[in-house]
Amino acid sequence: MGTPYILGFIGTILIAIAYIPQIWHIAKKHCAMGLSISTWSLWLFATILVFIHALTTADSVFIGLVTIHLVAITIILFLSLYYRNNVCDTCLNKAKEILRTN
C-alpha cells in the first residue's frame, strides 16, 4: 500500500463525506428544490459505465470510489423524485431573497 493508494483512499472518503449534506437536506427537509432530475439521471448513467470499467481494473480504490458515487447518486435521484414538488422554508426564503435583489 503506497502513497498513491492511501491518497486515493482518503480522496474516496472525502467524496463520500461530500455527498452527505445534499442527501441529508433532501431527506430531512423533504426538499428537492434546484436539483435537476435529468442531470442526476445522466450522472447515474455515466457512473454505471465508469463502474463497468472500474470492475475490469480490479483497483479497489477505484471500485470503491465509483461504488460510493453509484450509491449516493441513486439515493439523491430517488429522494429528488420522491420530493420533487416539495420546497423547504429555507430554500423558499433564499429564492425569494434572490428574486428581490434582482
N, C-alpha and C. Protein backbone atom coordinates (compact mmCIF):
# COMPACT_ATOMS: atom_id res chain seq x y z
N MET A 1 0.85 -1.18 0.00
CA MET A 1 0.00 0.00 0.00
C MET A 1 0.89 1.24 0.00
N GLY A 2 1.05 1.83 -1.17
CA GLY A 2 1.90 3.00 -1.27
C GLY A 2 1.12 4.29 -1.09
N THR A 3 1.85 5.39 -1.20
CA THR A 3 1.26 6.72 -1.03
C THR A 3 0.11 6.99 -2.00
N PRO A 4 0.23 6.66 -3.29
CA PRO A 4 -0.90 6.92 -4.19
C PRO A 4 -2.17 6.19 -3.76
N TYR A 5 -2.02 4.96 -3.28
CA TYR A 5 -3.17 4.20 -2.81
C TYR A 5 -3.81 4.88 -1.61
N ILE A 6 -3.00 5.30 -0.66
CA ILE A 6 -3.51 5.97 0.55
C ILE A 6 -4.19 7.29 0.18
N LEU A 7 -3.57 8.06 -0.72
CA LEU A 7 -4.19 9.32 -1.16
C LEU A 7 -5.52 9.06 -1.86
N GLY A 8 -5.57 8.02 -2.69
CA GLY A 8 -6.81 7.65 -3.36
C GLY A 8 -7.88 7.24 -2.37
N PHE A 9 -7.49 6.51 -1.35
CA PHE A 9 -8.43 6.08 -0.32
C PHE A 9 -8.97 7.29 0.45
N ILE A 10 -8.09 8.22 0.81
CA ILE A 10 -8.52 9.44 1.52
C ILE A 10 -9.47 10.25 0.63
N GLY A 11 -9.13 10.37 -0.66
CA GLY A 11 -10.00 11.08 -1.60
C GLY A 11 -11.36 10.44 -1.69
N THR A 12 -11.40 9.12 -1.69
CA THR A 12 -12.67 8.38 -1.75
C THR A 12 -13.52 8.68 -0.52
N ILE A 13 -12.90 8.70 0.64
CA ILE A 13 -13.63 9.02 1.88
C ILE A 13 -14.17 10.45 1.83
N LEU A 14 -13.36 11.38 1.35
CA LEU A 14 -13.79 12.78 1.25
C LEU A 14 -14.96 12.94 0.29
N ILE A 15 -14.94 12.21 -0.80
CA ILE A 15 -16.06 12.26 -1.75
C ILE A 15 -17.33 11.72 -1.10
N ALA A 16 -17.21 10.66 -0.35
CA ALA A 16 -18.37 10.11 0.35
C ALA A 16 -18.94 11.14 1.33
N ILE A 17 -18.06 11.80 2.05
CA ILE A 17 -18.48 12.82 3.02
C ILE A 17 -19.14 14.00 2.30
N ALA A 18 -18.65 14.33 1.11
CA ALA A 18 -19.19 15.47 0.37
C ALA A 18 -20.64 15.27 -0.05
N TYR A 19 -21.07 14.05 -0.23
CA TYR A 19 -22.46 13.79 -0.60
C TYR A 19 -23.43 13.95 0.57
N ILE A 20 -22.94 13.81 1.79
CA ILE A 20 -23.80 13.77 2.97
C ILE A 20 -24.69 15.01 3.12
N PRO A 21 -24.18 16.24 2.99
CA PRO A 21 -25.07 17.39 3.17
C PRO A 21 -26.24 17.43 2.19
N GLN A 22 -26.00 17.04 0.94
CA GLN A 22 -27.08 17.04 -0.06
C GLN A 22 -28.12 15.99 0.28
N ILE A 23 -27.67 14.80 0.59
CA ILE A 23 -28.60 13.71 0.95
C ILE A 23 -29.35 14.08 2.21
N TRP A 24 -28.65 14.61 3.20
CA TRP A 24 -29.26 14.99 4.47
C TRP A 24 -30.34 16.05 4.26
N HIS A 25 -30.05 17.05 3.44
CA HIS A 25 -31.01 18.13 3.20
C HIS A 25 -32.29 17.59 2.56
N ILE A 26 -32.14 16.78 1.52
CA ILE A 26 -33.32 16.25 0.84
C ILE A 26 -34.13 15.36 1.79
N ALA A 27 -33.45 14.49 2.51
CA ALA A 27 -34.13 13.54 3.40
C ALA A 27 -34.76 14.23 4.61
N LYS A 28 -34.04 15.15 5.21
CA LYS A 28 -34.52 15.81 6.43
C LYS A 28 -35.58 16.86 6.13
N LYS A 29 -35.35 17.69 5.11
CA LYS A 29 -36.25 18.80 4.80
C LYS A 29 -37.31 18.43 3.77
N HIS A 30 -37.18 17.26 3.17
CA HIS A 30 -38.09 16.82 2.10
C HIS A 30 -38.13 17.86 0.98
N CYS A 31 -36.96 18.36 0.62
CA CYS A 31 -36.83 19.46 -0.33
C CYS A 31 -35.87 19.09 -1.45
N ALA A 32 -36.36 19.18 -2.68
CA ALA A 32 -35.51 18.89 -3.83
C ALA A 32 -35.40 20.10 -4.75
N MET A 33 -35.61 21.28 -4.18
CA MET A 33 -35.57 22.50 -4.99
C MET A 33 -34.19 22.68 -5.62
N GLY A 34 -34.20 23.00 -6.89
CA GLY A 34 -32.96 23.31 -7.58
C GLY A 34 -32.20 22.10 -8.10
N LEU A 35 -32.68 20.90 -7.81
CA LEU A 35 -31.99 19.71 -8.31
C LEU A 35 -32.57 19.31 -9.65
N SER A 36 -31.70 19.06 -10.61
CA SER A 36 -32.12 18.67 -11.94
C SER A 36 -32.16 17.14 -12.04
N ILE A 37 -33.36 16.60 -12.24
CA ILE A 37 -33.52 15.15 -12.37
C ILE A 37 -32.75 14.65 -13.60
N SER A 38 -32.81 15.40 -14.70
CA SER A 38 -32.11 14.96 -15.91
C SER A 38 -30.60 14.95 -15.70
N THR A 39 -30.07 15.92 -14.98
CA THR A 39 -28.63 15.94 -14.70
C THR A 39 -28.21 14.75 -13.85
N TRP A 40 -28.95 14.51 -12.77
CA TRP A 40 -28.61 13.39 -11.89
C TRP A 40 -28.81 12.05 -12.59
N SER A 41 -29.80 11.96 -13.48
CA SER A 41 -30.01 10.72 -14.25
C SER A 41 -28.84 10.46 -15.19
N LEU A 42 -28.40 11.50 -15.87
CA LEU A 42 -27.25 11.36 -16.76
C LEU A 42 -25.99 11.00 -15.97
N TRP A 43 -25.83 11.63 -14.81
CA TRP A 43 -24.69 11.34 -13.95
C TRP A 43 -24.72 9.87 -13.51
N LEU A 44 -25.91 9.36 -13.19
CA LEU A 44 -26.04 7.96 -12.79
C LEU A 44 -25.67 7.04 -13.94
N PHE A 45 -26.18 7.33 -15.13
CA PHE A 45 -25.86 6.51 -16.30
C PHE A 45 -24.34 6.50 -16.57
N ALA A 46 -23.74 7.67 -16.53
CA ALA A 46 -22.30 7.78 -16.76
C ALA A 46 -21.52 7.00 -15.70
N THR A 47 -21.97 7.07 -14.46
CA THR A 47 -21.29 6.37 -13.37
C THR A 47 -21.41 4.86 -13.53
N ILE A 48 -22.53 4.40 -14.04
CA ILE A 48 -22.68 2.96 -14.31
C ILE A 48 -21.65 2.52 -15.35
N LEU A 49 -21.46 3.32 -16.38
CA LEU A 49 -20.46 3.00 -17.40
C LEU A 49 -19.05 2.98 -16.81
N VAL A 50 -18.75 3.96 -15.98
CA VAL A 50 -17.43 4.01 -15.33
C VAL A 50 -17.28 2.82 -14.37
N PHE A 51 -18.36 2.42 -13.71
CA PHE A 51 -18.32 1.28 -12.79
C PHE A 51 -17.94 0.01 -13.53
N ILE A 52 -18.50 -0.18 -14.73
CA ILE A 52 -18.16 -1.35 -15.54
C ILE A 52 -16.66 -1.35 -15.82
N HIS A 53 -16.14 -0.19 -16.17
CA HIS A 53 -14.69 -0.08 -16.41
C HIS A 53 -13.91 -0.34 -15.12
N ALA A 54 -14.39 0.22 -14.01
CA ALA A 54 -13.68 0.05 -12.73
C ALA A 54 -13.56 -1.43 -12.37
N LEU A 55 -14.61 -2.19 -12.62
CA LEU A 55 -14.56 -3.62 -12.31
C LEU A 55 -13.47 -4.33 -13.10
N THR A 56 -13.23 -3.87 -14.33
CA THR A 56 -12.19 -4.52 -15.14
C THR A 56 -10.78 -4.18 -14.68
N THR A 57 -10.62 -3.10 -13.91
CA THR A 57 -9.29 -2.70 -13.46
C THR A 57 -8.84 -3.45 -12.23
N ALA A 58 -9.81 -3.95 -11.46
CA ALA A 58 -9.53 -4.64 -10.19
C ALA A 58 -8.82 -3.73 -9.20
N ASP A 59 -8.97 -2.43 -9.35
CA ASP A 59 -8.38 -1.44 -8.43
C ASP A 59 -9.40 -1.14 -7.34
N SER A 60 -9.10 -1.57 -6.13
CA SER A 60 -10.09 -1.47 -5.04
C SER A 60 -10.48 -0.03 -4.72
N VAL A 61 -9.54 0.89 -4.81
CA VAL A 61 -9.87 2.30 -4.54
C VAL A 61 -10.81 2.83 -5.61
N PHE A 62 -10.52 2.54 -6.87
CA PHE A 62 -11.35 2.99 -7.98
C PHE A 62 -12.75 2.38 -7.89
N ILE A 63 -12.81 1.10 -7.61
CA ILE A 63 -14.11 0.42 -7.47
C ILE A 63 -14.88 1.01 -6.29
N GLY A 64 -14.19 1.25 -5.18
CA GLY A 64 -14.84 1.85 -4.01
C GLY A 64 -15.36 3.24 -4.31
N LEU A 65 -14.56 4.03 -5.01
CA LEU A 65 -14.96 5.39 -5.37
C LEU A 65 -16.21 5.38 -6.23
N VAL A 66 -16.22 4.57 -7.25
CA VAL A 66 -17.36 4.53 -8.16
C VAL A 66 -18.58 3.94 -7.45
N THR A 67 -18.38 2.99 -6.56
CA THR A 67 -19.49 2.43 -5.80
C THR A 67 -20.14 3.50 -4.93
N ILE A 68 -19.32 4.33 -4.28
CA ILE A 68 -19.84 5.43 -3.47
C ILE A 68 -20.65 6.38 -4.35
N HIS A 69 -20.12 6.71 -5.52
CA HIS A 69 -20.86 7.56 -6.45
C HIS A 69 -22.20 6.93 -6.82
N LEU A 70 -22.19 5.65 -7.16
CA LEU A 70 -23.42 4.96 -7.54
C LEU A 70 -24.46 5.02 -6.43
N VAL A 71 -24.05 4.70 -5.23
CA VAL A 71 -24.98 4.68 -4.10
C VAL A 71 -25.51 6.08 -3.81
N ALA A 72 -24.62 7.05 -3.72
CA ALA A 72 -25.03 8.42 -3.39
C ALA A 72 -25.92 9.02 -4.48
N ILE A 73 -25.55 8.85 -5.73
CA ILE A 73 -26.34 9.40 -6.82
C ILE A 73 -27.72 8.73 -6.87
N THR A 74 -27.77 7.43 -6.64
CA THR A 74 -29.05 6.72 -6.63
C THR A 74 -29.93 7.24 -5.50
N ILE A 75 -29.37 7.45 -4.32
CA ILE A 75 -30.14 7.98 -3.19
C ILE A 75 -30.64 9.38 -3.52
N ILE A 76 -29.76 10.24 -4.03
CA ILE A 76 -30.16 11.61 -4.35
C ILE A 76 -31.24 11.62 -5.43
N LEU A 77 -31.08 10.80 -6.45
CA LEU A 77 -32.07 10.75 -7.52
C LEU A 77 -33.41 10.24 -7.00
N PHE A 78 -33.39 9.18 -6.21
CA PHE A 78 -34.63 8.64 -5.65
C PHE A 78 -35.33 9.68 -4.77
N LEU A 79 -34.58 10.30 -3.86
CA LEU A 79 -35.18 11.30 -2.97
C LEU A 79 -35.66 12.52 -3.75
N SER A 80 -34.92 12.92 -4.77
CA SER A 80 -35.32 14.07 -5.58
C SER A 80 -36.62 13.79 -6.32
N LEU A 81 -36.77 12.58 -6.82
CA LEU A 81 -38.02 12.22 -7.49
C LEU A 81 -39.18 12.15 -6.49
N TYR A 82 -38.89 11.59 -5.34
CA TYR A 82 -39.93 11.44 -4.31
C TYR A 82 -40.41 12.79 -3.79
N TYR A 83 -39.47 13.72 -3.59
CA TYR A 83 -39.80 15.04 -3.03
C TYR A 83 -39.76 16.15 -4.08
N ARG A 84 -39.92 15.82 -5.34
CA ARG A 84 -39.73 16.80 -6.42
C ARG A 84 -40.66 18.00 -6.34
N ASN A 85 -41.79 17.89 -5.71
CA ASN A 85 -42.72 19.02 -5.62
C ASN A 85 -42.66 19.73 -4.27
N ASN A 86 -41.71 19.37 -3.45
CA ASN A 86 -41.60 19.97 -2.12
C ASN A 86 -40.47 21.00 -2.07
N VAL A 87 -40.71 22.05 -1.30
CA VAL A 87 -39.69 23.08 -1.09
C VAL A 87 -39.70 23.42 0.40
N CYS A 88 -38.54 23.38 1.02
CA CYS A 88 -38.46 23.74 2.44
C CYS A 88 -38.47 25.26 2.59
N ASP A 89 -38.76 25.71 3.78
CA ASP A 89 -38.82 27.15 4.05
C ASP A 89 -37.48 27.84 3.79
N THR A 90 -36.39 27.19 4.14
CA THR A 90 -35.07 27.78 3.94
C THR A 90 -34.81 28.05 2.46
N CYS A 91 -35.06 27.08 1.61
CA CYS A 91 -34.83 27.25 0.17
C CYS A 91 -35.81 28.25 -0.43
N LEU A 92 -37.05 28.21 0.05
CA LEU A 92 -38.05 29.16 -0.45
C LEU A 92 -37.66 30.59 -0.10
N ASN A 93 -37.21 30.80 1.12
CA ASN A 93 -36.79 32.14 1.54
C ASN A 93 -35.55 32.61 0.76
N LYS A 94 -34.62 31.70 0.50
CA LYS A 94 -33.44 32.06 -0.30
C LYS A 94 -33.84 32.45 -1.71
N ALA A 95 -34.78 31.71 -2.29
CA ALA A 95 -35.24 32.00 -3.64
C ALA A 95 -35.94 33.36 -3.68
N LYS A 96 -36.75 33.64 -2.68
CA LYS A 96 -37.44 34.94 -2.60
C LYS A 96 -36.43 36.08 -2.47
N GLU A 97 -35.40 35.86 -1.67
CA GLU A 97 -34.37 36.88 -1.49
C GLU A 97 -33.63 37.16 -2.79
N ILE A 98 -33.33 36.12 -3.52
CA ILE A 98 -32.65 36.28 -4.81
C ILE A 98 -33.54 37.07 -5.76
N LEU A 99 -34.82 36.74 -5.79
CA LEU A 99 -35.75 37.46 -6.68
C LEU A 99 -35.88 38.93 -6.28
N ARG A 100 -35.84 39.21 -5.00
CA ARG A 100 -35.95 40.61 -4.53
C ARG A 100 -34.73 41.43 -4.92
N THR A 101 -33.56 40.82 -4.94
CA THR A 101 -32.34 41.57 -5.21
C THR A 101 -32.08 41.74 -6.70
N ASN A 102 -32.78 40.99 -7.53
CA ASN A 102 -32.58 41.11 -8.99
C ASN A 102 -33.53 42.05 -9.61
